[in-house]
């Protein structure tokens, strides 16, 4: 198994994984917030805030957020 992938999986067992990007934030739980039992990292929060309404990226993010809320 790829060692980088193994390290990411080991970190994910102890630290939160962002529901949008699938990454473990550098600062652990303090690197984001919980939304409906799902974790959103600060990097994705900024991506959400700065995405222009009506773009394809906006639609993708909107669908992910809908899944989290439901």
Foldseek 3Di string as FASTA:
>chain_A
DDPVVVVQVVVVVPFAAALQPRGADPVGPVQFDDDQNGTHGPVVVVVQVPDDPPDPVNVSVVVSVVVSND
